[in-house]
């Protein structure tokens, strides 16, 4: 029994206990991790953004024992929108990390925002220019897709081993196309492949007849189209309409179902490098990522139907795994929602070691913000209007 003289202190203790409990609940709520996402669900890159969004909708609602809130924005495949989204996510939503965008120009345009706000970004675009050369801005950028050099290595290997002597190049007139040209032209020289033509076109172009006529005049053994999603169909379709009979190669940027749908018979037989997750069930049994890639494939197909996994869906799932792997380490240093946590999360991601994702095994360091090696790509071919495994891995 509490004496009358001590009753006020008991009531004060109860009030303080209640206040402390309330503060604990508030702190717990504030500690929720917030992930910002900006991807292209409309515009020319929508065919990439759609499977990306599908994979994101499968992300778990907890990471490292902490609840997660996802803020998903569409950049409309537009650079200005991507920067606007980055500002909104960092200044208004105060996210801990950004995932996306899907396209290289958009990712490059966001670098300044990352550095200003000390917010890490896990890009879902391919060009090495997003993370190289390393500087104060790129220190905050990471990316899931393989570097162009990884893909160009296996692609030029296949060309050389298939007897290709001369090759023509046509690619996007932006950072994606230029990145591919830079890597491909260097490796073509090493492989003794003579580049007889080099052309460019815009993602929004409706005709490439002029460029294709120049390529046809050069009479190459093979043509490489360095483009992505459905806009990559246009040069190939035009080549066939003009009677081209040589080999046609594409990049890993074509890995969307819409590319197959729009391309139809015109893209049958196309050779392309790809991440292993796209052909997971066809990988050799000893492939180091096969089990995880098949597990993801089954999870994705259970939600969206058979044969629906793409390069971009797998990259999005890999982004979740990368962040989930880093969060526990960052939580030892700071609380979500703070600059200190964002900095700790960036450091934890940068030190990712031996993490298997559907597209490869990641080992990052301060100079390498991709961390993938030759286990991250195989050679594929479109057969029966599907992406199929050819060799590698």
Protein backbone atom coordinates (compact mmCIF):
# COMPACT_ATOMS: atom_id res chain seq x y z
CA UNK A 1 0.00 0.00 0.00
CA UNK A 2 1.28 3.49 -0.94
CA UNK A 3 1.18 6.10 1.82
CA UNK A 4 -0.68 9.39 1.28
CA UNK A 5 2.63 11.31 1.37
CA UNK A 6 4.11 9.18 -1.41
CA UNK A 7 1.01 9.10 -3.65
CA UNK A 8 1.93 12.23 -5.67
CA UNK A 9 5.31 10.69 -6.47
CA UNK A 10 3.65 7.45 -7.55
CA UNK A 11 1.30 9.37 -9.84
CA UNK A 12 4.26 11.34 -11.22
CA UNK A 13 6.10 8.08 -11.86
CA UNK A 14 3.13 6.68 -13.74
CA UNK A 15 2.89 9.82 -15.87
CA UNK A 16 6.60 9.69 -16.65
CA UNK A 17 6.34 6.00 -17.53
CA UNK A 18 3.44 6.73 -19.87
CA UNK A 19 5.37 9.62 -21.46
CA UNK A 20 8.44 7.46 -21.92
CA UNK A 21 6.34 4.76 -23.54
CA UNK A 22 4.83 7.31 -25.91
CA UNK A 23 8.24 8.61 -26.83
CA UNK A 24 9.44 5.08 -27.46
CA UNK A 25 6.55 4.49 -29.83
CA UNK A 26 7.28 7.76 -31.64
CA UNK A 27 10.95 6.86 -31.93
CA UNK A 28 10.04 3.42 -33.25
CA UNK A 29 7.77 4.97 -35.86
CA UNK A 30 10.45 7.47 -36.83
CA UNK A 31 12.93 4.61 -37.15
CA UNK A 32 10.98 3.15 -40.07
CA UNK A 33 13.21 2.81 -43.12
CA UNK A 34 12.07 4.80 -46.13
CA UNK A 35 13.03 3.74 -49.65
CA UNK A 36 12.41 6.14 -52.53
CA UNK A 37 11.93 4.73 -56.02
CA UNK A 38 11.94 6.60 -59.33
CA UNK A 39 11.44 4.51 -62.45
CA UNK A 40 10.01 4.84 -65.95
CA UNK A 41 6.50 3.42 -65.93
CA UNK A 42 5.49 5.70 -68.83
CA UNK A 43 7.35 7.08 -71.84
CA UNK A 44 9.85 5.35 -74.18
CA UNK A 45 11.40 3.31 -71.33
CA UNK A 46 8.07 2.07 -69.95
CA UNK A 47 8.78 -1.46 -71.19
CA UNK A 48 11.71 -1.47 -68.76
CA UNK A 49 9.82 0.21 -65.95
CA UNK A 50 6.88 -2.20 -65.99
CA UNK A 51 8.77 -5.36 -64.94
CA UNK A 52 10.82 -3.24 -62.54
CA UNK A 53 7.64 -2.10 -60.81
CA UNK A 54 6.30 -5.66 -60.75
CA UNK A 55 9.40 -6.86 -58.89
CA UNK A 56 9.27 -3.91 -56.49
CA UNK A 57 5.69 -4.81 -55.56
CA UNK A 58 7.07 -8.14 -54.31
CA UNK A 59 9.61 -6.55 -51.96
CA UNK A 60 9.11 -7.53 -48.30
CA UNK A 61 7.74 -4.91 -45.92
CA UNK A 62 10.56 -5.38 -43.40
CA UNK A 63 14.33 -5.10 -43.68
CA UNK A 64 16.65 -6.02 -40.82
CA UNK A 65 13.69 -6.24 -38.44
CA UNK A 66 12.62 -2.68 -39.34
CA UNK A 67 9.40 -1.79 -41.13
CA UNK A 68 9.91 -0.26 -44.57
CA UNK A 69 7.90 2.35 -46.44
CA UNK A 70 8.29 2.47 -50.21
CA UNK A 71 7.62 5.71 -52.09
CA UNK A 72 7.25 4.96 -55.81
CA UNK A 73 7.36 7.73 -58.44
CA UNK A 74 7.23 7.67 -62.25
CA UNK A 75 9.79 9.78 -64.13
CA UNK A 76 8.05 9.36 -67.48
CA UNK A 77 11.41 8.42 -69.07
CA UNK A 78 12.32 12.10 -68.79
CA UNK A 79 15.53 13.59 -67.36
CA UNK A 80 13.87 16.66 -65.84
CA UNK A 81 11.25 14.51 -64.14
CA UNK A 82 13.96 12.23 -62.74
CA UNK A 83 15.73 15.20 -61.12
CA UNK A 84 12.40 16.53 -59.84
CA UNK A 85 11.62 13.13 -58.32
CA UNK A 86 15.05 12.99 -56.70
CA UNK A 87 14.44 16.40 -55.11
CA UNK A 88 11.01 15.35 -53.87
CA UNK A 89 12.26 12.06 -52.43
CA UNK A 90 15.16 13.65 -50.58
CA UNK A 91 13.70 17.01 -49.50
CA UNK A 92 10.04 16.16 -48.90
CA UNK A 93 9.91 12.41 -48.31
CA UNK A 94 13.34 12.32 -46.63
CA UNK A 95 14.11 8.81 -47.87
CA UNK A 96 17.11 6.83 -46.67
CA UNK A 97 18.01 5.44 -50.10
CA UNK A 98 16.82 5.78 -53.69
CA UNK A 99 16.31 2.86 -56.10
CA UNK A 100 16.27 3.67 -59.80
CA UNK A 101 16.10 5.18 -62.33
CA UNK A 102 15.89 2.79 -65.28
CA UNK A 103 17.76 4.89 -67.85
CA UNK A 104 21.34 6.12 -67.93
CA UNK A 105 20.62 9.80 -68.78
CA UNK A 106 18.21 10.03 -65.86
CA UNK A 107 20.68 8.42 -63.45
CA UNK A 108 23.48 10.78 -64.49
CA UNK A 109 21.21 13.78 -64.04
CA UNK A 110 20.47 12.76 -60.44
CA UNK A 111 24.08 12.57 -59.27
CA UNK A 112 24.23 16.15 -57.99
CA UNK A 113 21.15 15.63 -55.81
CA UNK A 114 22.70 12.52 -54.26
CA UNK A 115 25.90 14.33 -53.35
CA UNK A 116 24.08 17.39 -51.98
CA UNK A 117 21.80 15.34 -49.72
CA UNK A 118 24.15 12.45 -48.92
CA UNK A 119 21.61 9.94 -50.20
CA UNK A 120 22.77 6.62 -51.68
CA UNK A 121 21.24 5.50 -54.97
CA UNK A 122 21.01 1.98 -56.37
CA UNK A 123 20.49 2.64 -60.07
CA UNK A 124 18.74 0.19 -62.38
CA UNK A 125 20.38 1.64 -65.51
CA UNK A 126 23.31 0.00 -67.24
CA UNK A 127 26.05 2.42 -68.30
CA UNK A 128 29.33 2.40 -66.38
CA UNK A 129 29.27 6.20 -66.61
CA UNK A 130 26.88 6.18 -63.63
CA UNK A 131 29.63 4.93 -61.33
CA UNK A 132 32.83 5.69 -63.27
CA UNK A 133 35.12 7.53 -62.94
CA UNK A 134 34.68 7.63 -59.18
CA UNK A 135 34.31 11.12 -57.77
CA UNK A 136 32.45 12.95 -54.99
CA UNK A 137 29.10 12.61 -56.78
CA UNK A 138 29.47 9.00 -57.88
CA UNK A 139 30.52 8.02 -54.36
CA UNK A 140 26.75 7.97 -53.63
CA UNK A 141 25.81 5.97 -56.74
CA UNK A 142 25.68 2.21 -57.10
CA UNK A 143 24.06 0.16 -59.85
CA UNK A 144 22.67 -3.31 -60.38
CA UNK A 145 23.04 -3.96 -64.15
CA UNK A 146 26.32 -5.32 -65.42
CA UNK A 147 28.80 -2.85 -66.90
CA UNK A 148 28.83 -2.64 -70.67
CA UNK A 149 32.34 -4.07 -70.70
CA UNK A 150 31.15 -7.34 -69.14
CA UNK A 151 28.47 -7.75 -71.78
CA UNK A 152 30.66 -6.53 -74.65
CA UNK A 153 33.34 -9.08 -73.71
CA UNK A 154 31.13 -12.13 -74.16
CA UNK A 155 29.37 -10.59 -77.18
CA UNK A 156 32.61 -9.90 -79.10
CA UNK A 157 33.87 -13.35 -78.09
CA UNK A 158 30.81 -14.88 -79.77
CA UNK A 159 31.29 -12.74 -82.87
CA UNK A 160 34.93 -13.76 -83.26
CA UNK A 161 34.24 -17.45 -82.62
CA UNK A 162 31.37 -17.36 -85.14
CA UNK A 163 33.60 -16.14 -87.96
CA UNK A 164 32.46 -12.51 -87.99
CA UNK A 165 35.13 -10.30 -89.60
CA UNK A 166 33.30 -7.03 -90.22
CA UNK A 167 30.63 -5.42 -88.06
CA UNK A 168 28.47 -2.29 -88.12
CA UNK A 169 27.20 -0.44 -85.05
CA UNK A 170 24.01 1.54 -84.50
CA UNK A 171 23.09 2.78 -81.04
CA UNK A 172 21.13 5.33 -79.07
CA UNK A 173 22.37 8.90 -79.38
CA UNK A 174 22.72 9.19 -75.61
CA UNK A 175 24.85 7.89 -72.75
CA UNK A 176 23.64 4.30 -73.23
CA UNK A 177 24.65 4.16 -76.89
CA UNK A 178 27.91 6.01 -76.33
CA UNK A 179 28.84 3.78 -73.41
CA UNK A 180 28.34 0.72 -75.54
CA UNK A 181 30.26 2.22 -78.45
CA UNK A 182 33.20 3.01 -76.18
CA UNK A 183 33.44 -0.53 -74.80
CA UNK A 184 32.51 -2.37 -77.98
CA UNK A 185 34.93 -0.48 -80.23
CA UNK A 186 37.85 -1.21 -77.89
CA UNK A 187 37.06 -4.92 -77.67
CA UNK A 188 36.34 -5.18 -81.39
CA UNK A 189 39.90 -4.04 -82.06
CA UNK A 190 41.25 -6.63 -79.63
CA UNK A 191 39.19 -9.38 -81.30
CA UNK A 192 40.31 -8.27 -84.80
CA UNK A 193 36.76 -7.26 -85.73
CA UNK A 194 36.68 -4.47 -88.30
CA UNK A 195 34.00 -1.85 -87.57
CA UNK A 196 32.83 -0.66 -91.01
CA UNK A 197 30.03 1.72 -89.93
CA UNK A 198 28.88 3.54 -86.80
CA UNK A 199 25.46 5.23 -86.62
CA UNK A 200 23.19 6.78 -83.97
CA UNK A 201 19.47 7.40 -83.48
CA UNK A 202 17.18 8.85 -80.81
CA UNK A 203 14.97 6.72 -78.59
CA UNK A 204 11.93 8.53 -79.96
CA UNK A 205 12.82 8.28 -83.67
CA UNK A 206 10.25 6.67 -85.94
CA UNK A 207 12.62 6.02 -88.84
CA UNK A 208 16.27 4.99 -89.17
CA UNK A 209 16.23 4.37 -92.92
CA UNK A 210 19.13 6.75 -93.61
CA UNK A 211 21.36 5.10 -91.02
CA UNK A 212 20.49 1.58 -92.18
CA UNK A 213 21.19 2.41 -95.82
CA UNK A 214 24.70 3.50 -94.82
CA UNK A 215 25.16 0.27 -92.86
CA UNK A 216 23.90 -1.84 -95.77
CA UNK A 217 26.32 -0.11 -98.12
CA UNK A 218 29.21 -1.22 -95.88
CA UNK A 219 28.13 -4.89 -96.24
CA UNK A 220 29.01 -6.01 -92.67
CA UNK A 221 28.99 -9.65 -91.57
CA UNK A 222 27.10 -8.59 -88.45
CA UNK A 223 25.31 -5.59 -86.98
CA UNK A 224 25.23 -4.62 -83.29
CA UNK A 225 22.24 -2.57 -82.12
CA UNK A 226 23.06 -0.79 -78.85
CA UNK A 227 19.61 0.18 -77.63
CA UNK A 228 17.04 -0.90 -75.06
CA UNK A 229 13.39 -1.92 -74.74
CA UNK A 230 11.01 -1.50 -77.69
CA UNK A 231 12.98 1.31 -79.44
CA UNK A 232 15.64 -1.35 -80.08
CA UNK A 233 13.27 -3.09 -82.53
CA UNK A 234 13.29 -0.28 -85.12
CA UNK A 235 16.83 -0.73 -86.55
CA UNK A 236 16.43 -4.52 -86.68
CA UNK A 237 13.09 -4.31 -88.44
CA UNK A 238 14.52 -1.83 -90.95
CA UNK A 239 17.54 -4.05 -91.62
CA UNK A 240 15.28 -6.97 -92.50
CA UNK A 241 13.01 -4.80 -94.63
CA UNK A 242 16.09 -3.77 -96.61
CA UNK A 243 17.10 -7.40 -97.11
CA UNK A 244 19.97 -7.74 -94.66
CA UNK A 245 21.05 -11.40 -94.30
CA UNK A 246 23.89 -11.19 -91.78
CA UNK A 247 23.91 -11.80 -88.03
CA UNK A 248 22.13 -9.31 -85.78
CA UNK A 249 23.24 -8.73 -82.20
CA UNK A 250 21.50 -6.70 -79.51
CA UNK A 251 22.55 -5.72 -75.98
CA UNK A 252 21.11 -6.79 -72.63
CA UNK A 253 18.86 -3.73 -72.83
CA UNK A 254 16.35 -5.67 -74.95
CA UNK A 255 15.35 -8.00 -72.11
CA UNK A 256 11.66 -7.06 -71.95
CA UNK A 257 8.54 -8.95 -72.93
CA UNK A 258 7.41 -5.92 -74.92
CA UNK A 259 10.53 -6.22 -77.09
CA UNK A 260 9.52 -9.76 -78.01
CA UNK A 261 5.91 -8.71 -78.58
CA UNK A 262 6.73 -5.71 -80.77
CA UNK A 263 9.61 -7.43 -82.56
CA UNK A 264 7.81 -10.68 -83.30
CA UNK A 265 9.34 -12.62 -86.17
CA UNK A 266 11.69 -9.72 -86.96
CA UNK A 267 13.78 -10.41 -83.85
CA UNK A 268 13.80 -14.21 -84.12
CA UNK A 269 17.35 -15.57 -83.99
CA UNK A 270 18.84 -12.45 -82.40
CA UNK A 271 22.00 -12.97 -80.36
CA UNK A 272 22.39 -10.98 -77.13
CA UNK A 273 24.31 -10.99 -73.84
CA UNK A 274 22.14 -11.15 -70.73
CA UNK A 275 22.09 -11.58 -67.00
CA UNK A 276 21.71 -15.23 -65.91
CA UNK A 277 18.33 -14.66 -64.24
CA UNK A 278 16.67 -14.18 -67.64
CA UNK A 279 17.40 -17.83 -68.49
CA UNK A 280 17.63 -19.16 -64.92
CA UNK A 281 16.17 -22.64 -65.46
CA UNK A 282 18.42 -23.27 -68.47
CA UNK A 283 21.66 -22.45 -66.64
CA UNK A 284 24.19 -25.24 -66.01
CA UNK A 285 23.64 -26.96 -62.63
CA UNK A 286 26.96 -25.67 -61.31
CA UNK A 287 26.21 -22.01 -62.06
CA UNK A 288 26.69 -20.14 -58.74
CA UNK A 289 23.53 -18.03 -59.08
CA UNK A 290 21.22 -20.66 -60.53
CA UNK A 291 19.44 -21.60 -57.30
CA UNK A 292 18.70 -18.03 -56.22
CA UNK A 293 17.79 -17.02 -59.78
CA UNK A 294 15.35 -19.93 -60.08
CA UNK A 295 13.85 -19.09 -56.67
CA UNK A 296 13.25 -15.52 -57.83
CA UNK A 297 11.83 -16.75 -61.13
CA UNK A 298 9.32 -18.95 -59.33
CA UNK A 299 8.31 -16.14 -56.98
CA UNK A 300 7.88 -13.69 -59.87
CA UNK A 301 6.03 -16.13 -62.12
CA UNK A 302 3.66 -17.05 -59.30
CA UNK A 303 2.56 -13.42 -59.31
CA UNK A 304 2.75 -12.55 -63.00
CA UNK A 305 2.59 -15.77 -65.01
CA UNK A 306 4.97 -18.14 -66.83
CA UNK A 307 7.96 -16.80 -68.78
CA UNK A 308 7.59 -13.25 -67.49
CA UNK A 309 10.99 -12.70 -65.82
CA UNK A 310 13.20 -10.08 -67.45
CA UNK A 311 16.64 -8.59 -66.89
CA UNK A 312 15.00 -5.57 -65.30
CA UNK A 313 12.78 -7.47 -62.89
CA UNK A 314 15.82 -9.42 -61.70
CA UNK A 315 17.85 -6.23 -61.26
CA UNK A 316 15.07 -4.74 -59.11
CA UNK A 317 15.01 -7.82 -56.88
CA UNK A 318 18.79 -7.62 -56.62
CA UNK A 319 18.48 -3.99 -55.48
CA UNK A 320 16.27 -5.11 -52.59
CA UNK A 321 18.76 -7.83 -51.61
CA UNK A 322 21.65 -5.35 -51.75
CA UNK A 323 19.88 -2.87 -49.47
CA UNK A 324 18.61 -5.59 -47.11
CA UNK A 325 22.17 -6.90 -46.77
CA UNK A 326 23.48 -3.43 -45.86
CA UNK A 327 20.75 -2.24 -43.46
CA UNK A 328 21.71 -4.33 -40.39
CA UNK A 329 25.23 -2.93 -40.52
CA UNK A 330 23.99 0.66 -40.90
CA UNK A 331 21.56 0.23 -37.98
CA UNK A 332 24.52 -0.36 -35.67
CA UNK A 333 25.62 3.22 -36.34
CA UNK A 334 22.51 5.38 -36.64
CA UNK A 335 18.74 5.58 -36.77
CA UNK A 336 16.80 5.63 -40.08
CA UNK A 337 15.68 9.06 -41.20
CA UNK A 338 18.98 10.72 -40.36
CA UNK A 339 21.94 11.88 -42.42
CA UNK A 340 24.14 9.60 -40.30
CA UNK A 341 22.07 6.58 -41.30
CA UNK A 342 22.26 7.44 -45.00
CA UNK A 343 26.02 7.78 -44.71
CA UNK A 344 26.30 4.49 -42.83
CA UNK A 345 24.08 2.77 -45.39
CA UNK A 346 26.25 4.06 -48.24
CA UNK A 347 29.35 2.70 -46.52
CA UNK A 348 27.70 -0.66 -45.85
CA UNK A 349 26.62 -1.01 -49.49
CA UNK A 350 30.11 -0.06 -50.67
CA UNK A 351 31.56 -2.88 -48.58
CA UNK A 352 29.16 -5.58 -49.82
CA UNK A 353 31.02 -8.88 -49.96
CA UNK A 354 30.12 -12.13 -51.70
CA UNK A 355 26.40 -11.36 -51.99
CA UNK A 356 24.55 -13.56 -54.45
CA UNK A 357 21.74 -11.86 -56.38
CA UNK A 358 19.77 -13.19 -59.36
CA UNK A 359 22.23 -11.60 -61.79
CA UNK A 360 25.55 -12.59 -60.24
CA UNK A 361 27.76 -12.38 -57.15
CA UNK A 362 28.52 -8.89 -55.79
CA UNK A 363 31.84 -7.82 -54.28
CA UNK A 364 32.04 -4.04 -54.05
CA UNK A 365 34.76 -1.68 -52.86
CA UNK A 366 35.37 2.11 -52.90
CA UNK A 367 36.50 1.95 -56.53
CA UNK A 368 33.88 -0.50 -57.79
CA UNK A 369 30.20 0.32 -57.16
CA UNK A 370 28.89 -2.57 -59.28
CA UNK A 371 30.91 -5.48 -57.93
CA UNK A 372 29.91 -8.03 -60.57
CA UNK A 373 32.33 -10.29 -62.44
CA UNK A 374 32.10 -12.74 -65.35
CA UNK A 375 29.56 -14.83 -63.44
CA UNK A 376 27.08 -12.04 -64.13
CA UNK A 377 26.49 -12.66 -67.82
CA UNK A 378 25.75 -15.36 -70.36
CA UNK A 379 25.04 -15.36 -74.07
CA UNK A 380 21.43 -15.80 -75.14
CA UNK A 381 19.39 -16.10 -78.31
CA UNK A 382 15.77 -15.39 -79.15
CA UNK A 383 14.14 -18.64 -80.23
CA UNK A 384 10.43 -19.31 -80.49
CA UNK A 385 9.78 -15.70 -79.37
CA UNK A 386 11.52 -16.39 -76.04
CA UNK A 387 14.85 -15.54 -74.49
CA UNK A 388 16.92 -18.74 -74.42
CA UNK A 389 20.32 -19.72 -73.04
CA UNK A 390 23.19 -20.18 -75.53
CA UNK A 391 26.42 -20.46 -73.55
CA UNK A 392 28.47 -18.99 -70.70
CA UNK A 393 28.16 -18.90 -66.95
